[in-house]
Amino acid sequence: MPGGAVDVAPPAATVIRQMQAAILEARAAAFAFQRLGRSAPPTLAWRCDQVARAIVEGLRESFGDGVL
């Protein structure tokens, strides 16, 4: 379509790199929540622990133990 938007998918290698980066970011968030779970006030600590466990379990279920 001349002058119109073109829907072009990024190369597969780019998508894989983006997924790898997203997995690393999710791991970092999980570790941050784990750390906060040890130092936050009790009213927040359990929530941090719960979020950390959910992130780790989601990564494990989706990508296997190798990403952890």
N, C-alpha and C. Protein backbone atom coordinates (compact mmCIF):
# COMPACT_ATOMS: atom_id res chain seq x y z
N MET A 1 0.84 -1.17 0.00
CA MET A 1 0.00 0.00 0.00
C MET A 1 0.89 1.23 0.00
N PRO A 2 0.94 1.99 -1.07
CA PRO A 2 1.80 3.18 -1.16
C PRO A 2 1.41 4.22 -0.11
N GLY A 3 2.43 4.69 0.59
CA GLY A 3 2.22 5.74 1.58
C GLY A 3 1.57 5.27 2.86
N GLY A 4 1.16 4.03 2.94
CA GLY A 4 0.50 3.52 4.14
C GLY A 4 1.47 2.81 5.06
N ALA A 5 0.98 2.44 6.22
CA ALA A 5 1.80 1.71 7.19
C ALA A 5 2.04 0.30 6.67
N VAL A 6 3.21 -0.19 6.93
CA VAL A 6 3.58 -1.53 6.51
C VAL A 6 3.79 -2.37 7.77
N ASP A 7 3.15 -3.51 7.82
CA ASP A 7 3.27 -4.40 8.97
C ASP A 7 4.37 -5.41 8.68
N VAL A 8 5.54 -5.15 9.24
CA VAL A 8 6.69 -6.03 9.01
C VAL A 8 7.12 -6.60 10.36
N ALA A 9 7.16 -7.89 10.45
CA ALA A 9 7.58 -8.54 11.69
C ALA A 9 9.10 -8.41 11.83
N PRO A 10 9.57 -8.20 13.06
CA PRO A 10 11.02 -8.13 13.26
C PRO A 10 11.66 -9.50 13.01
N PRO A 11 12.93 -9.53 12.67
CA PRO A 11 13.60 -10.81 12.48
C PRO A 11 13.53 -11.66 13.75
N ALA A 12 13.48 -12.96 13.56
CA ALA A 12 13.36 -13.88 14.70
C ALA A 12 14.47 -13.67 15.72
N ALA A 13 15.69 -13.40 15.26
CA ALA A 13 16.81 -13.20 16.19
C ALA A 13 16.55 -12.00 17.10
N THR A 14 15.93 -10.96 16.57
CA THR A 14 15.61 -9.78 17.36
C THR A 14 14.58 -10.13 18.43
N VAL A 15 13.58 -10.89 18.05
CA VAL A 15 12.55 -11.30 19.00
C VAL A 15 13.16 -12.16 20.11
N ILE A 16 14.03 -13.06 19.75
CA ILE A 16 14.68 -13.92 20.76
C ILE A 16 15.50 -13.08 21.71
N ARG A 17 16.25 -12.10 21.21
CA ARG A 17 17.02 -11.21 22.09
C ARG A 17 16.10 -10.43 23.01
N GLN A 18 14.99 -9.98 22.49
CA GLN A 18 14.03 -9.25 23.32
C GLN A 18 13.45 -10.16 24.41
N MET A 19 13.17 -11.40 24.08
CA MET A 19 12.66 -12.35 25.07
C MET A 19 13.71 -12.62 26.14
N GLN A 20 14.96 -12.79 25.72
CA GLN A 20 16.03 -13.01 26.69
C GLN A 20 16.14 -11.82 27.64
N ALA A 21 16.06 -10.62 27.11
CA ALA A 21 16.13 -9.43 27.95
C ALA A 21 14.94 -9.36 28.89
N ALA A 22 13.76 -9.70 28.41
CA ALA A 22 12.57 -9.68 29.26
C ALA A 22 12.67 -10.70 30.39
N ILE A 23 13.22 -11.87 30.09
CA ILE A 23 13.40 -12.90 31.12
C ILE A 23 14.37 -12.40 32.18
N LEU A 24 15.47 -11.80 31.75
CA LEU A 24 16.43 -11.26 32.72
C LEU A 24 15.80 -10.16 33.57
N GLU A 25 14.99 -9.32 32.95
CA GLU A 25 14.32 -8.26 33.70
C GLU A 25 13.33 -8.84 34.70
N ALA A 26 12.61 -9.88 34.30
CA ALA A 26 11.66 -10.53 35.22
C ALA A 26 12.40 -11.18 36.39
N ARG A 27 13.53 -11.82 36.10
CA ARG A 27 14.34 -12.40 37.19
C ARG A 27 14.81 -11.32 38.14
N ALA A 28 15.25 -10.19 37.59
CA ALA A 28 15.71 -9.08 38.44
C ALA A 28 14.57 -8.57 39.31
N ALA A 29 13.38 -8.47 38.75
CA ALA A 29 12.23 -8.03 39.54
C ALA A 29 11.92 -9.04 40.64
N ALA A 30 11.98 -10.32 40.32
CA ALA A 30 11.73 -11.35 41.34
C ALA A 30 12.75 -11.25 42.47
N PHE A 31 14.01 -11.08 42.12
CA PHE A 31 15.05 -10.97 43.15
C PHE A 31 14.86 -9.71 43.99
N ALA A 32 14.42 -8.63 43.36
CA ALA A 32 14.16 -7.39 44.11
C ALA A 32 13.02 -7.61 45.09
N PHE A 33 11.97 -8.28 44.66
CA PHE A 33 10.85 -8.56 45.58
C PHE A 33 11.28 -9.51 46.69
N GLN A 34 12.14 -10.49 46.38
CA GLN A 34 12.64 -11.37 47.44
C GLN A 34 13.42 -10.57 48.47
N ARG A 35 14.28 -9.68 48.01
CA ARG A 35 15.07 -8.85 48.92
C ARG A 35 14.16 -7.96 49.76
N LEU A 36 13.18 -7.36 49.12
CA LEU A 36 12.25 -6.50 49.85
C LEU A 36 11.42 -7.29 50.86
N GLY A 37 11.13 -8.54 50.53
CA GLY A 37 10.38 -9.39 51.46
C GLY A 37 11.12 -9.62 52.77
N ARG A 38 12.43 -9.50 52.73
CA ARG A 38 13.22 -9.68 53.96
C ARG A 38 13.37 -8.39 54.75
N SER A 39 13.16 -7.25 54.09
CA SER A 39 13.42 -5.99 54.78
C SER A 39 12.18 -5.10 54.95
N ALA A 40 11.11 -5.41 54.25
CA ALA A 40 9.90 -4.58 54.33
C ALA A 40 9.17 -4.83 55.64
N PRO A 41 8.33 -3.88 56.04
CA PRO A 41 7.49 -4.12 57.22
C PRO A 41 6.62 -5.35 57.00
N PRO A 42 6.28 -6.06 58.07
CA PRO A 42 5.51 -7.31 57.93
C PRO A 42 4.23 -7.17 57.10
N THR A 43 3.59 -6.01 57.15
CA THR A 43 2.35 -5.83 56.39
C THR A 43 2.60 -5.83 54.89
N LEU A 44 3.84 -5.59 54.48
CA LEU A 44 4.19 -5.59 53.05
C LEU A 44 5.08 -6.78 52.67
N ALA A 45 5.83 -7.28 53.62
CA ALA A 45 6.82 -8.33 53.33
C ALA A 45 6.18 -9.56 52.70
N TRP A 46 5.08 -10.01 53.24
CA TRP A 46 4.45 -11.22 52.69
C TRP A 46 3.99 -11.00 51.26
N ARG A 47 3.58 -9.78 50.95
CA ARG A 47 3.17 -9.48 49.57
C ARG A 47 4.37 -9.55 48.62
N CYS A 48 5.49 -9.00 49.08
CA CYS A 48 6.71 -9.06 48.27
C CYS A 48 7.12 -10.50 48.02
N ASP A 49 7.08 -11.32 49.07
CA ASP A 49 7.42 -12.74 48.93
C ASP A 49 6.49 -13.43 47.94
N GLN A 50 5.22 -13.12 48.03
CA GLN A 50 4.23 -13.74 47.15
C GLN A 50 4.47 -13.36 45.69
N VAL A 51 4.76 -12.09 45.44
CA VAL A 51 5.03 -11.64 44.08
C VAL A 51 6.30 -12.30 43.55
N ALA A 52 7.34 -12.37 44.37
CA ALA A 52 8.59 -13.01 43.95
C ALA A 52 8.35 -14.46 43.57
N ARG A 53 7.62 -15.18 44.40
CA ARG A 53 7.34 -16.59 44.10
C ARG A 53 6.53 -16.74 42.81
N ALA A 54 5.57 -15.85 42.61
CA ALA A 54 4.74 -15.92 41.40
C ALA A 54 5.57 -15.68 40.14
N ILE A 55 6.46 -14.72 40.20
CA ILE A 55 7.31 -14.44 39.03
C ILE A 55 8.21 -15.64 38.73
N VAL A 56 8.86 -16.15 39.76
CA VAL A 56 9.77 -17.29 39.57
C VAL A 56 9.01 -18.50 39.04
N GLU A 57 7.85 -18.78 39.62
CA GLU A 57 7.07 -19.94 39.18
C GLU A 57 6.58 -19.74 37.75
N GLY A 58 6.18 -18.55 37.39
CA GLY A 58 5.76 -18.28 36.01
C GLY A 58 6.89 -18.49 35.01
N LEU A 59 8.08 -18.02 35.37
CA LEU A 59 9.24 -18.25 34.50
C LEU A 59 9.56 -19.73 34.40
N ARG A 60 9.51 -20.42 35.52
CA ARG A 60 9.81 -21.87 35.52
C ARG A 60 8.81 -22.63 34.67
N GLU A 61 7.53 -22.33 34.84
CA GLU A 61 6.50 -23.04 34.07
C GLU A 61 6.61 -22.75 32.57
N SER A 62 6.96 -21.54 32.23
CA SER A 62 6.99 -21.14 30.83
C SER A 62 8.29 -21.49 30.10
N PHE A 63 9.42 -21.41 30.83
CA PHE A 63 10.71 -21.56 30.16
C PHE A 63 11.60 -22.64 30.76
N GLY A 64 11.21 -23.25 31.86
CA GLY A 64 12.01 -24.30 32.48
C GLY A 64 12.98 -23.75 33.51
N ASP A 65 13.59 -24.66 34.26
CA ASP A 65 14.52 -24.29 35.32
C ASP A 65 15.78 -23.59 34.80
N GLY A 66 16.10 -23.77 33.55
CA GLY A 66 17.32 -23.21 32.99
C GLY A 66 17.36 -21.69 32.97
N VAL A 67 16.21 -21.05 33.04
CA VAL A 67 16.19 -19.59 33.02
C VAL A 67 16.38 -18.99 34.41
N LEU A 68 16.33 -19.85 35.42
CA LEU A 68 16.47 -19.35 36.78
C LEU A 68 17.90 -19.53 37.21
